[in-house]
């Protein structure tokens, strides 16, 4: 059976709660079932979010709160190596939005209180 119908995968709000192995296994599975040109979007925290010296007290409070309610954020990615990691799984990185990019694109001009997460990124990747 030839797979020709391109697919779109919306994986927002998931990867921070999974292990790297679980994330990479899932991404690899997508490249095995989806035809070339299929797209996935997902969000992630950069690895600095987990280093108290590199993240704000507000970010540390958010991570602690999520741990307390049983939803610990356990995985982040290095934005500078993500393209290579995705390529090893059969994806090309189309877009990797930084917190500043997200703020500018989606929250500019909105009332105070509407903003992106510090250390939060949005990715768009395409199967090769």
N, C-alpha and C. Protein backbone atom coordinates (compact mmCIF):
# COMPACT_ATOMS: atom_id res chain seq x y z
N UNK A 1 0.83 -1.17 0.00
CA UNK A 1 0.00 0.00 0.00
C UNK A 1 0.89 1.25 0.00
N UNK A 2 0.68 2.11 -0.95
CA UNK A 2 1.43 3.34 -1.03
C UNK A 2 0.71 4.43 -0.26
N UNK A 3 1.45 5.07 0.60
CA UNK A 3 0.87 6.17 1.37
C UNK A 3 1.14 7.48 0.63
N UNK A 4 0.06 8.13 0.23
CA UNK A 4 0.23 9.36 -0.54
C UNK A 4 -0.45 10.57 0.10
N UNK A 5 -1.36 10.34 0.98
CA UNK A 5 -2.09 11.44 1.60
C UNK A 5 -1.27 12.01 2.76
N UNK A 6 -0.77 13.23 2.59
CA UNK A 6 0.02 13.87 3.64
C UNK A 6 -0.82 14.04 4.89
N UNK A 7 -0.16 13.93 6.03
CA UNK A 7 -0.84 14.02 7.32
C UNK A 7 -0.31 15.21 8.11
N UNK A 8 -1.12 15.65 9.07
CA UNK A 8 -0.74 16.73 9.97
C UNK A 8 -0.90 16.22 11.40
N UNK A 9 0.14 16.34 12.19
CA UNK A 9 0.14 15.88 13.57
C UNK A 9 0.30 17.08 14.49
N UNK A 10 -0.67 17.29 15.36
CA UNK A 10 -0.63 18.36 16.35
C UNK A 10 -0.27 17.72 17.69
N UNK A 11 0.94 17.98 18.14
CA UNK A 11 1.45 17.33 19.35
C UNK A 11 1.79 18.39 20.40
N UNK A 12 0.95 19.41 20.49
CA UNK A 12 1.18 20.49 21.45
C UNK A 12 0.85 20.03 22.87
N UNK A 13 1.65 20.48 23.81
CA UNK A 13 1.39 20.20 25.22
C UNK A 13 1.73 18.79 25.66
N UNK A 14 2.58 18.09 24.92
CA UNK A 14 2.86 16.69 25.23
C UNK A 14 4.33 16.43 25.56
N UNK A 15 5.24 16.87 24.71
CA UNK A 15 6.64 16.43 24.83
C UNK A 15 7.29 16.76 26.18
N UNK A 16 6.97 17.86 26.85
CA UNK A 16 7.64 18.12 28.13
C UNK A 16 7.39 17.05 29.19
N UNK A 17 6.33 16.29 29.03
CA UNK A 17 5.94 15.30 30.04
C UNK A 17 6.42 13.89 29.72
N UNK A 18 7.09 13.73 28.59
CA UNK A 18 7.58 12.41 28.16
C UNK A 18 9.10 12.35 28.26
N UNK A 19 9.63 11.13 28.30
CA UNK A 19 11.08 10.97 28.27
C UNK A 19 11.57 11.19 26.84
N UNK A 20 12.86 11.44 26.69
CA UNK A 20 13.45 11.59 25.35
C UNK A 20 13.20 10.35 24.52
N UNK A 21 13.37 9.17 25.12
CA UNK A 21 13.15 7.92 24.38
C UNK A 21 11.72 7.83 23.87
N UNK A 22 10.76 8.18 24.71
CA UNK A 22 9.35 8.14 24.29
C UNK A 22 9.09 9.13 23.15
N UNK A 23 9.67 10.30 23.26
CA UNK A 23 9.50 11.32 22.21
C UNK A 23 10.10 10.83 20.90
N UNK A 24 11.34 10.37 20.95
CA UNK A 24 12.01 9.94 19.72
C UNK A 24 11.37 8.70 19.11
N UNK A 25 10.88 7.79 19.95
CA UNK A 25 10.17 6.61 19.44
C UNK A 25 8.91 7.02 18.70
N UNK A 26 8.17 7.95 19.28
CA UNK A 26 6.94 8.42 18.64
C UNK A 26 7.24 9.14 17.33
N UNK A 27 8.23 10.02 17.34
CA UNK A 27 8.59 10.74 16.12
C UNK A 27 9.05 9.78 15.02
N UNK A 28 9.84 8.80 15.40
CA UNK A 28 10.28 7.80 14.42
C UNK A 28 9.10 7.02 13.86
N UNK A 29 8.14 6.70 14.71
CA UNK A 29 6.93 5.99 14.25
C UNK A 29 6.17 6.82 13.21
N UNK A 30 6.14 8.11 13.42
CA UNK A 30 5.43 8.98 12.47
C UNK A 30 6.11 8.92 11.10
N UNK A 31 7.45 8.93 11.08
CA UNK A 31 8.13 8.88 9.79
C UNK A 31 7.93 7.54 9.10
N UNK A 32 7.61 6.50 9.87
CA UNK A 32 7.37 5.19 9.27
C UNK A 32 5.97 5.07 8.68
N UNK A 33 5.00 5.82 9.19
CA UNK A 33 3.62 5.67 8.72
C UNK A 33 3.12 6.81 7.84
N UNK A 34 3.77 7.97 7.96
CA UNK A 34 3.28 9.15 7.23
C UNK A 34 4.11 9.35 5.96
N UNK A 35 3.46 9.74 4.89
CA UNK A 35 4.21 9.96 3.65
C UNK A 35 5.10 11.21 3.74
N UNK A 36 6.07 11.26 2.85
CA UNK A 36 6.96 12.41 2.76
C UNK A 36 6.12 13.68 2.61
N UNK A 37 6.51 14.71 3.33
CA UNK A 37 5.80 15.97 3.27
C UNK A 37 4.76 16.14 4.36
N UNK A 38 4.58 15.12 5.20
CA UNK A 38 3.66 15.24 6.34
C UNK A 38 4.30 16.16 7.39
N UNK A 39 3.46 16.80 8.16
CA UNK A 39 3.93 17.83 9.09
C UNK A 39 3.54 17.50 10.53
N UNK A 40 4.44 17.82 11.44
CA UNK A 40 4.14 17.74 12.87
C UNK A 40 4.49 19.09 13.50
N UNK A 41 3.64 19.51 14.43
CA UNK A 41 3.98 20.66 15.27
C UNK A 41 4.01 20.16 16.71
N UNK A 42 4.96 20.68 17.46
CA UNK A 42 5.00 20.37 18.89
C UNK A 42 5.70 21.51 19.61
N UNK A 43 5.48 21.56 20.90
CA UNK A 43 6.14 22.57 21.72
C UNK A 43 7.10 21.86 22.66
N UNK A 44 8.06 22.63 23.16
CA UNK A 44 9.03 22.08 24.11
C UNK A 44 9.64 23.21 24.91
N UNK A 45 10.23 22.86 26.03
CA UNK A 45 11.03 23.79 26.82
C UNK A 45 12.49 23.57 26.47
N UNK A 46 13.25 24.64 26.40
CA UNK A 46 14.68 24.45 26.19
C UNK A 46 15.31 23.97 27.50
N UNK A 47 16.49 23.41 27.38
CA UNK A 47 17.14 22.79 28.54
C UNK A 47 17.47 23.79 29.65
N UNK A 48 17.60 25.08 29.31
CA UNK A 48 17.88 26.09 30.33
C UNK A 48 16.74 26.21 31.36
N UNK A 49 15.55 25.80 30.99
CA UNK A 49 14.42 25.88 31.92
C UNK A 49 14.66 25.04 33.18
N UNK A 50 15.50 24.03 33.07
CA UNK A 50 15.74 23.11 34.17
C UNK A 50 16.96 23.50 35.01
N UNK A 51 17.61 24.60 34.65
CA UNK A 51 18.79 25.06 35.37
C UNK A 51 18.42 26.33 36.14
N UNK A 52 18.30 26.24 37.45
CA UNK A 52 17.83 27.39 38.22
C UNK A 52 18.59 28.68 37.95
N UNK A 53 19.89 28.59 37.69
CA UNK A 53 20.68 29.79 37.42
C UNK A 53 20.34 30.43 36.08
N UNK A 54 19.70 29.69 35.19
CA UNK A 54 19.40 30.19 33.85
C UNK A 54 17.92 30.48 33.62
N UNK A 55 17.08 30.15 34.59
CA UNK A 55 15.65 30.41 34.43
C UNK A 55 15.17 31.30 35.57
N UNK A 56 14.06 31.94 35.34
CA UNK A 56 13.53 32.89 36.33
C UNK A 56 12.90 32.17 37.51
N UNK A 57 12.74 32.87 38.62
CA UNK A 57 12.02 32.29 39.76
C UNK A 57 10.59 31.87 39.36
N UNK A 58 9.97 32.64 38.47
CA UNK A 58 8.61 32.29 38.01
C UNK A 58 8.61 30.95 37.28
N UNK A 59 9.61 30.72 36.45
CA UNK A 59 9.70 29.44 35.74
C UNK A 59 9.92 28.31 36.73
N UNK A 60 10.79 28.51 37.70
CA UNK A 60 11.04 27.48 38.71
C UNK A 60 9.79 27.18 39.52
N UNK A 61 8.99 28.22 39.84
CA UNK A 61 7.72 28.01 40.54
C UNK A 61 6.76 27.20 39.68
N UNK A 62 6.71 27.49 38.40
CA UNK A 62 5.82 26.74 37.50
C UNK A 62 6.20 25.27 37.44
N UNK A 63 7.50 25.00 37.32
CA UNK A 63 7.96 23.61 37.28
C UNK A 63 7.65 22.89 38.59
N UNK A 64 7.84 23.59 39.71
CA UNK A 64 7.54 22.99 41.02
C UNK A 64 6.04 22.73 41.17
N UNK A 65 5.22 23.67 40.74
CA UNK A 65 3.77 23.48 40.80
C UNK A 65 3.35 22.25 39.98
N UNK A 66 3.89 22.12 38.78
CA UNK A 66 3.54 20.97 37.94
C UNK A 66 3.98 19.66 38.59
N UNK A 67 5.13 19.66 39.25
CA UNK A 67 5.57 18.46 39.99
C UNK A 67 4.57 18.13 41.10
N UNK A 68 4.15 19.16 41.85
CA UNK A 68 3.25 18.94 42.98
C UNK A 68 1.89 18.39 42.55
N UNK A 69 1.41 18.77 41.38
CA UNK A 69 0.11 18.27 40.94
C UNK A 69 0.22 16.97 40.13
N UNK A 70 1.42 16.41 40.09
CA UNK A 70 1.60 15.12 39.43
C UNK A 70 1.82 15.18 37.93
N UNK A 71 2.20 16.35 37.44
CA UNK A 71 2.47 16.51 36.00
C UNK A 71 3.86 17.11 35.81
N UNK A 72 4.89 16.39 36.26
CA UNK A 72 6.23 16.96 36.18
C UNK A 72 6.71 17.12 34.73
N UNK A 73 7.33 18.25 34.48
CA UNK A 73 7.98 18.50 33.20
C UNK A 73 9.35 17.86 33.31
N UNK A 74 9.63 16.90 32.44
CA UNK A 74 10.87 16.12 32.61
C UNK A 74 11.85 16.23 31.45
N UNK A 75 11.41 16.74 30.31
CA UNK A 75 12.30 16.74 29.15
C UNK A 75 12.31 18.10 28.46
N UNK A 76 13.50 18.51 28.10
CA UNK A 76 13.70 19.71 27.30
C UNK A 76 14.67 19.40 26.18
N UNK A 77 14.80 20.34 25.26
CA UNK A 77 15.71 20.18 24.14
C UNK A 77 16.61 21.39 24.01
N UNK A 78 17.75 21.18 23.43
CA UNK A 78 18.65 22.27 23.10
C UNK A 78 18.25 22.78 21.72
N UNK A 79 17.79 24.02 21.61
CA UNK A 79 17.34 24.53 20.32
C UNK A 79 18.40 24.46 19.22
N UNK A 80 19.67 24.55 19.60
CA UNK A 80 20.74 24.56 18.60
C UNK A 80 21.05 23.17 18.03
N UNK A 81 20.61 22.10 18.70
CA UNK A 81 20.87 20.75 18.19
C UNK A 81 19.60 20.03 17.74
N UNK A 82 18.45 20.67 17.92
CA UNK A 82 17.19 19.99 17.61
C UNK A 82 17.06 19.63 16.13
N UNK A 83 17.50 20.49 15.23
CA UNK A 83 17.40 20.20 13.80
C UNK A 83 18.14 18.91 13.46
N UNK A 84 19.32 18.73 14.02
CA UNK A 84 20.11 17.53 13.78
C UNK A 84 19.43 16.29 14.36
N UNK A 85 18.88 16.43 15.55
CA UNK A 85 18.18 15.30 16.17
C UNK A 85 16.96 14.90 15.35
N UNK A 86 16.21 15.88 14.87
CA UNK A 86 15.04 15.57 14.05
C UNK A 86 15.45 14.95 12.72
N UNK A 87 16.53 15.43 12.14
CA UNK A 87 17.02 14.87 10.87
C UNK A 87 17.38 13.40 11.03
N UNK A 88 17.93 13.03 12.17
CA UNK A 88 18.30 11.63 12.40
C UNK A 88 17.07 10.72 12.47
N UNK A 89 15.89 11.33 12.68
CA UNK A 89 14.64 10.58 12.76
C UNK A 89 13.84 10.63 11.46
N UNK A 90 14.32 11.40 10.48
CA UNK A 90 13.62 11.48 9.20
C UNK A 90 12.78 12.73 9.01
N UNK A 91 13.08 13.78 9.77
CA UNK A 91 12.36 15.05 9.65
C UNK A 91 13.30 16.16 9.20
N UNK A 92 12.77 17.13 8.52
CA UNK A 92 13.51 18.37 8.32
C UNK A 92 12.81 19.43 9.16
N UNK A 93 13.61 20.24 9.82
CA UNK A 93 13.07 21.29 10.67
C UNK A 93 12.65 22.45 9.79
N UNK A 94 11.37 22.75 9.80
CA UNK A 94 10.85 23.86 9.00
C UNK A 94 10.90 25.16 9.79
N UNK A 95 10.56 25.08 11.08
CA UNK A 95 10.54 26.27 11.92
C UNK A 95 10.73 25.87 13.38
N UNK A 96 11.52 26.68 14.10
CA UNK A 96 11.77 26.46 15.52
C UNK A 96 11.66 27.82 16.19
N UNK A 97 10.45 28.16 16.63
CA UNK A 97 10.19 29.48 17.18
C UNK A 97 10.69 29.59 18.61
N UNK A 98 11.42 30.66 18.88
CA UNK A 98 11.89 30.95 20.23
C UNK A 98 10.77 31.62 21.02
N UNK A 99 10.94 31.77 22.33
CA UNK A 99 9.93 32.50 23.10
C UNK A 99 9.68 33.91 22.55
N UNK A 100 10.75 34.60 22.13
CA UNK A 100 10.59 35.94 21.56
C UNK A 100 9.81 35.90 20.25
N UNK A 101 10.09 34.89 19.42
CA UNK A 101 9.36 34.73 18.15
C UNK A 101 7.87 34.49 18.41
N UNK A 102 7.58 33.64 19.38
CA UNK A 102 6.19 33.31 19.72
C UNK A 102 5.47 34.55 20.24
N UNK A 103 6.17 35.28 21.10
CA UNK A 103 5.60 36.51 21.66
C UNK A 103 5.25 37.49 20.55
N UNK A 104 6.17 37.69 19.62
CA UNK A 104 5.97 38.63 18.52
C UNK A 104 4.84 38.17 17.59
N UNK A 105 4.83 36.90 17.24
CA UNK A 105 3.87 36.40 16.26
C UNK A 105 2.46 36.24 16.82
N UNK A 106 2.35 35.74 18.05
CA UNK A 106 1.03 35.36 18.55
C UNK A 106 0.47 36.24 19.67
N UNK A 107 1.31 36.98 20.37
CA UNK A 107 0.84 37.72 21.54
C UNK A 107 1.03 39.23 21.44
N UNK A 108 1.66 39.71 20.39
CA UNK A 108 1.91 41.14 20.23
C UNK A 108 0.58 41.90 20.21
N UNK A 109 0.50 42.93 21.03
CA UNK A 109 -0.68 43.78 21.05
C UNK A 109 -1.81 43.28 21.93
N UNK A 110 -1.65 42.10 22.54
CA UNK A 110 -2.69 41.61 23.44
C UNK A 110 -2.52 42.24 24.82
N UNK A 111 -3.59 42.26 25.61
CA UNK A 111 -3.48 42.84 26.97
C UNK A 111 -2.44 42.10 27.81
N UNK A 112 -1.92 42.79 28.80
CA UNK A 112 -0.97 42.16 29.72
C UNK A 112 -1.59 40.88 30.28
N UNK A 113 -0.75 39.90 30.50
CA UNK A 113 -1.23 38.62 31.00
C UNK A 113 -1.27 37.57 29.89
N UNK A 114 -1.30 38.00 28.65
CA UNK A 114 -1.25 37.08 27.53
C UNK A 114 0.18 37.08 26.99
N UNK A 115 0.87 35.99 27.21
CA UNK A 115 2.24 35.91 26.72
C UNK A 115 2.68 34.45 26.66
N UNK A 116 3.80 34.23 25.99
CA UNK A 116 4.33 32.89 25.87
C UNK A 116 5.12 32.53 27.12
N UNK A 117 5.40 31.24 27.27
CA UNK A 117 6.21 30.78 28.39
C UNK A 117 7.67 31.08 28.14
N UNK A 118 8.33 31.51 29.21
CA UNK A 118 9.78 31.63 29.17
C UNK A 118 10.32 30.23 28.86
N UNK A 119 11.25 30.13 27.99
CA UNK A 119 11.90 28.88 27.59
C UNK A 119 11.01 27.98 26.73
N UNK A 120 9.80 28.44 26.36
CA UNK A 120 8.91 27.61 25.54
C UNK A 120 9.15 27.88 24.06
N UNK A 121 9.19 26.82 23.28
CA UNK A 121 9.43 26.89 21.84
C UNK A 121 8.33 26.14 21.08
N UNK A 122 8.08 26.55 19.86
CA UNK A 122 7.17 25.84 18.95
C UNK A 122 7.99 25.34 17.76
N UNK A 123 7.75 24.09 17.38
CA UNK A 123 8.45 23.47 16.26
C UNK A 123 7.46 23.05 15.19
N UNK A 124 7.88 23.23 13.96
CA UNK A 124 7.18 22.67 12.80
C UNK A 124 8.22 21.87 12.03
N UNK A 125 7.99 20.58 11.87
CA UNK A 125 8.93 19.71 11.17
C UNK A 125 8.16 18.91 10.12
N UNK A 126 8.87 18.53 9.05
CA UNK A 126 8.25 17.86 7.91
C UNK A 126 8.99 16.55 7.64
N UNK A 127 8.23 15.48 7.37
CA UNK A 127 8.87 14.20 7.08
C UNK A 127 9.58 14.26 5.73
N UNK A 128 10.71 13.61 5.68
CA UNK A 128 11.54 13.60 4.46
C UNK A 128 11.33 12.32 3.67
